[in-house]
Amino acid sequence: MSSPATPSPANQTVTVFLSPGPETPKLKQAVYKLPGNKTISFVHTCLRRYLAKYRPKNEPIFVFINTGDSIGFSPTPEQTVGDLFDKFSDGKRLTLTYVFKQIYG
C-alpha cells in the first residue's frame, strides 16, 4: 500500500507571516495563506498596496528572511513562497520581514 504523495511546493498552500522590521508599520493582518506557486514579486506587490499610505509611491520595500543565525537574505523576486517555506519555515509558517530601508548589504 503506498502513502499519499506529498504535494509539491507549487501545489501546496503555505502560511506566510509578514513581520515588520525596525521603523516599519505593522499590517492589520499579518498572516496569509498563499498558494505555493506565488512569488516574492507577488508579495512585494501586495505590500506596496497595503503600505501605500506610509511611504512614497516609488520608494522600495525590502523583504528578507532571517535564517536563524542572525544573518538574513533577500529572496529574489522569482522565488516562490512554496520553495522558501520548504527551506526556511518552522514547519508551520514562513516568516518574511519587510522594511523600507535595506538593512542587509
N, C-alpha and C. Protein backbone atom coordinates (compact mmCIF):
# COMPACT_ATOMS: atom_id res chain seq x y z
N MET A 1 0.85 -1.17 0.00
CA MET A 1 0.00 0.00 0.00
C MET A 1 0.90 1.24 0.00
N SER A 2 0.69 2.14 -0.91
CA SER A 2 1.51 3.34 -0.98
C SER A 2 0.86 4.48 -0.21
N SER A 3 1.69 5.36 0.31
CA SER A 3 1.17 6.51 1.04
C SER A 3 0.84 7.61 0.04
N PRO A 4 -0.06 8.53 0.43
CA PRO A 4 -0.41 9.62 -0.48
C PRO A 4 0.83 10.46 -0.78
N ALA A 5 0.90 10.96 -1.98
CA ALA A 5 2.04 11.78 -2.39
C ALA A 5 2.00 13.11 -1.66
N THR A 6 3.18 13.56 -1.23
CA THR A 6 3.29 14.87 -0.61
C THR A 6 3.16 15.92 -1.70
N PRO A 7 2.32 16.94 -1.50
CA PRO A 7 2.16 17.94 -2.54
C PRO A 7 3.48 18.68 -2.79
N SER A 8 3.74 18.99 -4.05
CA SER A 8 4.93 19.77 -4.36
C SER A 8 4.73 21.18 -3.84
N PRO A 9 5.82 21.93 -3.61
CA PRO A 9 5.68 23.29 -3.09
C PRO A 9 4.74 24.15 -3.92
N ALA A 10 4.73 23.97 -5.23
CA ALA A 10 3.88 24.79 -6.09
C ALA A 10 2.40 24.48 -5.89
N ASN A 11 2.07 23.26 -5.45
CA ASN A 11 0.67 22.86 -5.30
C ASN A 11 0.14 23.02 -3.89
N GLN A 12 1.01 23.27 -2.93
CA GLN A 12 0.55 23.37 -1.55
C GLN A 12 0.18 24.81 -1.19
N THR A 13 -0.63 24.95 -0.17
CA THR A 13 -0.93 26.26 0.39
C THR A 13 -0.01 26.44 1.58
N VAL A 14 0.65 27.59 1.65
CA VAL A 14 1.58 27.83 2.74
C VAL A 14 1.12 29.03 3.56
N THR A 15 1.45 29.01 4.83
CA THR A 15 1.14 30.12 5.72
C THR A 15 2.35 31.04 5.76
N VAL A 16 2.11 32.32 5.47
CA VAL A 16 3.17 33.32 5.45
C VAL A 16 2.86 34.37 6.51
N PHE A 17 3.84 34.62 7.38
CA PHE A 17 3.73 35.66 8.40
C PHE A 17 4.58 36.83 7.95
N LEU A 18 3.95 38.00 7.78
CA LEU A 18 4.66 39.21 7.37
C LEU A 18 4.97 40.05 8.60
N SER A 19 6.24 40.11 8.93
CA SER A 19 6.70 40.77 10.15
C SER A 19 7.37 42.09 9.80
N PRO A 20 6.96 43.20 10.44
CA PRO A 20 7.61 44.48 10.14
C PRO A 20 8.99 44.56 10.78
N GLY A 21 9.91 45.17 10.07
CA GLY A 21 11.24 45.42 10.61
C GLY A 21 11.23 46.73 11.38
N PRO A 22 12.43 47.20 11.78
CA PRO A 22 12.52 48.45 12.53
C PRO A 22 11.94 49.63 11.75
N GLU A 23 11.22 50.46 12.45
CA GLU A 23 10.65 51.69 11.89
C GLU A 23 9.74 51.43 10.70
N THR A 24 9.06 50.29 10.71
CA THR A 24 8.14 49.92 9.63
C THR A 24 6.79 49.60 10.26
N PRO A 25 5.70 50.15 9.73
CA PRO A 25 4.39 49.91 10.34
C PRO A 25 3.92 48.47 10.19
N LYS A 26 3.12 48.05 11.16
CA LYS A 26 2.53 46.71 11.14
C LYS A 26 1.33 46.70 10.19
N LEU A 27 1.08 45.55 9.61
CA LEU A 27 -0.12 45.36 8.81
C LEU A 27 -1.28 45.02 9.73
N LYS A 28 -2.50 45.36 9.32
CA LYS A 28 -3.67 44.98 10.11
C LYS A 28 -3.79 43.46 10.18
N GLN A 29 -3.52 42.80 9.07
CA GLN A 29 -3.48 41.34 9.01
C GLN A 29 -2.07 40.94 8.66
N ALA A 30 -1.45 40.11 9.46
CA ALA A 30 -0.05 39.76 9.24
C ALA A 30 0.14 38.33 8.74
N VAL A 31 -0.88 37.48 8.86
CA VAL A 31 -0.76 36.08 8.47
C VAL A 31 -1.66 35.83 7.26
N TYR A 32 -1.06 35.24 6.22
CA TYR A 32 -1.77 34.96 4.98
C TYR A 32 -1.53 33.52 4.57
N LYS A 33 -2.53 32.93 3.93
CA LYS A 33 -2.38 31.61 3.31
C LYS A 33 -2.28 31.86 1.82
N LEU A 34 -1.15 31.46 1.24
CA LEU A 34 -0.89 31.69 -0.18
C LEU A 34 -0.62 30.38 -0.90
N PRO A 35 -1.00 30.30 -2.17
CA PRO A 35 -0.59 29.14 -2.96
C PRO A 35 0.93 29.10 -3.05
N GLY A 36 1.51 27.93 -3.00
CA GLY A 36 2.96 27.78 -3.01
C GLY A 36 3.63 28.32 -4.25
N ASN A 37 2.88 28.49 -5.34
CA ASN A 37 3.49 28.98 -6.57
C ASN A 37 3.54 30.50 -6.66
N LYS A 38 3.02 31.21 -5.66
CA LYS A 38 3.12 32.68 -5.64
C LYS A 38 4.57 33.07 -5.40
N THR A 39 4.99 34.13 -6.07
CA THR A 39 6.39 34.55 -5.99
C THR A 39 6.58 35.67 -4.98
N ILE A 40 7.84 35.93 -4.66
CA ILE A 40 8.18 37.06 -3.80
C ILE A 40 7.77 38.37 -4.47
N SER A 41 7.80 38.41 -5.79
CA SER A 41 7.33 39.58 -6.52
C SER A 41 5.85 39.86 -6.19
N PHE A 42 5.05 38.81 -6.10
CA PHE A 42 3.65 38.95 -5.71
C PHE A 42 3.54 39.53 -4.30
N VAL A 43 4.36 39.05 -3.38
CA VAL A 43 4.37 39.56 -2.01
C VAL A 43 4.74 41.04 -2.00
N HIS A 44 5.76 41.42 -2.79
CA HIS A 44 6.15 42.84 -2.91
C HIS A 44 4.97 43.69 -3.38
N THR A 45 4.27 43.21 -4.40
CA THR A 45 3.13 43.95 -4.94
C THR A 45 2.05 44.16 -3.88
N CYS A 46 1.76 43.12 -3.13
CA CYS A 46 0.76 43.22 -2.06
C CYS A 46 1.21 44.20 -0.98
N LEU A 47 2.47 44.10 -0.58
CA LEU A 47 2.98 45.01 0.45
C LEU A 47 2.93 46.46 -0.01
N ARG A 48 3.28 46.71 -1.28
CA ARG A 48 3.19 48.08 -1.80
C ARG A 48 1.78 48.62 -1.69
N ARG A 49 0.81 47.79 -2.01
CA ARG A 49 -0.59 48.21 -1.94
C ARG A 49 -1.02 48.43 -0.49
N TYR A 50 -0.71 47.49 0.40
CA TYR A 50 -1.14 47.58 1.79
C TYR A 50 -0.47 48.73 2.54
N LEU A 51 0.76 49.06 2.16
CA LEU A 51 1.52 50.08 2.89
C LEU A 51 1.62 51.40 2.14
N ALA A 52 0.80 51.60 1.13
CA ALA A 52 0.89 52.79 0.27
C ALA A 52 0.76 54.10 1.05
N LYS A 53 -0.05 54.13 2.07
CA LYS A 53 -0.25 55.38 2.80
C LYS A 53 0.93 55.73 3.71
N TYR A 54 1.87 54.82 3.89
CA TYR A 54 3.01 55.05 4.78
C TYR A 54 4.29 55.42 4.06
N ARG A 55 4.29 55.37 2.74
CA ARG A 55 5.54 55.59 2.02
C ARG A 55 5.27 56.20 0.66
N PRO A 56 6.25 56.92 0.11
CA PRO A 56 6.09 57.46 -1.25
C PRO A 56 5.93 56.32 -2.26
N LYS A 57 5.25 56.62 -3.34
CA LYS A 57 4.88 55.61 -4.33
C LYS A 57 6.08 54.82 -4.88
N ASN A 58 7.16 55.47 -5.17
CA ASN A 58 8.30 54.79 -5.79
C ASN A 58 9.37 54.33 -4.81
N GLU A 59 9.14 54.52 -3.53
CA GLU A 59 10.12 54.06 -2.54
C GLU A 59 10.04 52.54 -2.41
N PRO A 60 11.19 51.88 -2.40
CA PRO A 60 11.16 50.41 -2.38
C PRO A 60 10.75 49.83 -1.02
N ILE A 61 10.31 48.60 -1.08
CA ILE A 61 10.08 47.78 0.11
C ILE A 61 11.01 46.59 -0.02
N PHE A 62 11.73 46.30 1.04
CA PHE A 62 12.67 45.18 1.04
C PHE A 62 12.08 44.05 1.86
N VAL A 63 12.18 42.84 1.34
CA VAL A 63 11.70 41.65 2.04
C VAL A 63 12.90 40.75 2.26
N PHE A 64 13.01 40.22 3.49
CA PHE A 64 14.11 39.30 3.74
C PHE A 64 13.68 38.19 4.67
N ILE A 65 14.49 37.17 4.71
CA ILE A 65 14.27 36.00 5.56
C ILE A 65 15.42 35.93 6.55
N ASN A 66 15.10 35.81 7.81
CA ASN A 66 16.12 35.58 8.83
C ASN A 66 16.33 34.08 8.91
N THR A 67 17.55 33.65 8.67
CA THR A 67 17.84 32.22 8.62
C THR A 67 18.08 31.60 9.99
N GLY A 68 17.91 32.36 11.05
CA GLY A 68 18.05 31.81 12.39
C GLY A 68 19.40 32.05 13.01
N ASP A 69 20.38 32.41 12.22
CA ASP A 69 21.71 32.67 12.78
C ASP A 69 22.05 34.16 12.71
N SER A 70 21.01 34.99 12.77
CA SER A 70 21.14 36.45 12.74
C SER A 70 21.62 36.99 11.41
N ILE A 71 21.72 36.14 10.42
CA ILE A 71 22.09 36.60 9.09
C ILE A 71 20.89 36.37 8.19
N GLY A 72 20.43 37.43 7.58
CA GLY A 72 19.28 37.30 6.71
C GLY A 72 19.67 37.45 5.26
N PHE A 73 18.75 37.12 4.39
CA PHE A 73 18.98 37.34 2.98
C PHE A 73 17.68 37.77 2.33
N SER A 74 17.80 38.43 1.23
CA SER A 74 16.65 38.88 0.47
C SER A 74 16.41 37.90 -0.67
N PRO A 75 15.27 37.22 -0.68
CA PRO A 75 14.99 36.29 -1.76
C PRO A 75 14.78 37.04 -3.08
N THR A 76 15.06 36.38 -4.17
CA THR A 76 14.87 37.01 -5.48
C THR A 76 13.38 37.08 -5.81
N PRO A 77 12.99 38.03 -6.65
CA PRO A 77 11.56 38.19 -6.97
C PRO A 77 10.90 36.95 -7.55
N GLU A 78 11.66 36.10 -8.24
CA GLU A 78 11.04 34.93 -8.87
C GLU A 78 10.97 33.70 -7.97
N GLN A 79 11.56 33.75 -6.79
CA GLN A 79 11.46 32.61 -5.87
C GLN A 79 10.03 32.47 -5.38
N THR A 80 9.58 31.23 -5.23
CA THR A 80 8.20 31.00 -4.79
C THR A 80 8.15 30.84 -3.27
N VAL A 81 6.99 31.18 -2.72
CA VAL A 81 6.83 31.04 -1.28
C VAL A 81 6.82 29.56 -0.89
N GLY A 82 6.41 28.68 -1.79
CA GLY A 82 6.44 27.25 -1.51
C GLY A 82 7.85 26.73 -1.33
N ASP A 83 8.75 27.11 -2.24
CA ASP A 83 10.15 26.68 -2.11
C ASP A 83 10.79 27.27 -0.86
N LEU A 84 10.52 28.54 -0.59
CA LEU A 84 11.09 29.18 0.60
C LEU A 84 10.52 28.56 1.88
N PHE A 85 9.23 28.21 1.86
CA PHE A 85 8.61 27.54 3.00
C PHE A 85 9.32 26.23 3.29
N ASP A 86 9.57 25.44 2.25
CA ASP A 86 10.23 24.14 2.44
C ASP A 86 11.62 24.28 3.02
N LYS A 87 12.32 25.35 2.70
CA LYS A 87 13.70 25.52 3.15
C LYS A 87 13.84 26.30 4.46
N PHE A 88 12.95 27.26 4.72
CA PHE A 88 13.18 28.19 5.82
C PHE A 88 12.03 28.34 6.81
N SER A 89 10.98 27.57 6.67
CA SER A 89 9.87 27.71 7.62
C SER A 89 10.17 26.96 8.92
N ASP A 90 9.35 27.22 9.91
CA ASP A 90 9.47 26.48 11.17
C ASP A 90 8.59 25.23 11.13
N GLY A 91 8.09 24.90 9.94
CA GLY A 91 7.20 23.76 9.79
C GLY A 91 5.74 24.15 9.77
N LYS A 92 5.44 25.34 10.30
CA LYS A 92 4.07 25.82 10.34
C LYS A 92 3.87 27.06 9.47
N ARG A 93 4.88 27.93 9.46
CA ARG A 93 4.74 29.17 8.68
C ARG A 93 6.11 29.68 8.24
N LEU A 94 6.08 30.43 7.16
CA LEU A 94 7.26 31.10 6.64
C LEU A 94 7.19 32.55 7.10
N THR A 95 8.22 33.02 7.78
CA THR A 95 8.25 34.40 8.25
C THR A 95 9.07 35.25 7.29
N LEU A 96 8.43 36.27 6.74
CA LEU A 96 9.09 37.24 5.88
C LEU A 96 9.07 38.58 6.59
N THR A 97 10.22 39.21 6.70
CA THR A 97 10.31 40.53 7.33
C THR A 97 10.38 41.57 6.22
N TYR A 98 9.63 42.65 6.38
CA TYR A 98 9.63 43.72 5.39
C TYR A 98 10.08 45.02 6.04
N VAL A 99 10.82 45.81 5.28
CA VAL A 99 11.34 47.09 5.76
C VAL A 99 11.34 48.09 4.60
N PHE A 100 11.41 49.38 4.94
CA PHE A 100 11.50 50.42 3.93
C PHE A 100 12.94 50.75 3.59
N LYS A 101 13.85 50.47 4.50
CA LYS A 101 15.27 50.75 4.27
C LYS A 101 16.03 49.44 4.32
N GLN A 102 16.91 49.23 3.36
CA GLN A 102 17.68 47.99 3.31
C GLN A 102 18.57 47.87 4.55
N ILE A 103 18.49 46.72 5.22
CA ILE A 103 19.29 46.55 6.43
C ILE A 103 20.37 45.49 6.27
N TYR A 104 20.30 44.74 5.18
CA TYR A 104 21.37 43.78 4.87
C TYR A 104 21.99 44.19 3.55
N GLY A 105 23.31 44.10 3.47
CA GLY A 105 24.03 44.52 2.26
C GLY A 105 23.89 43.55 1.20
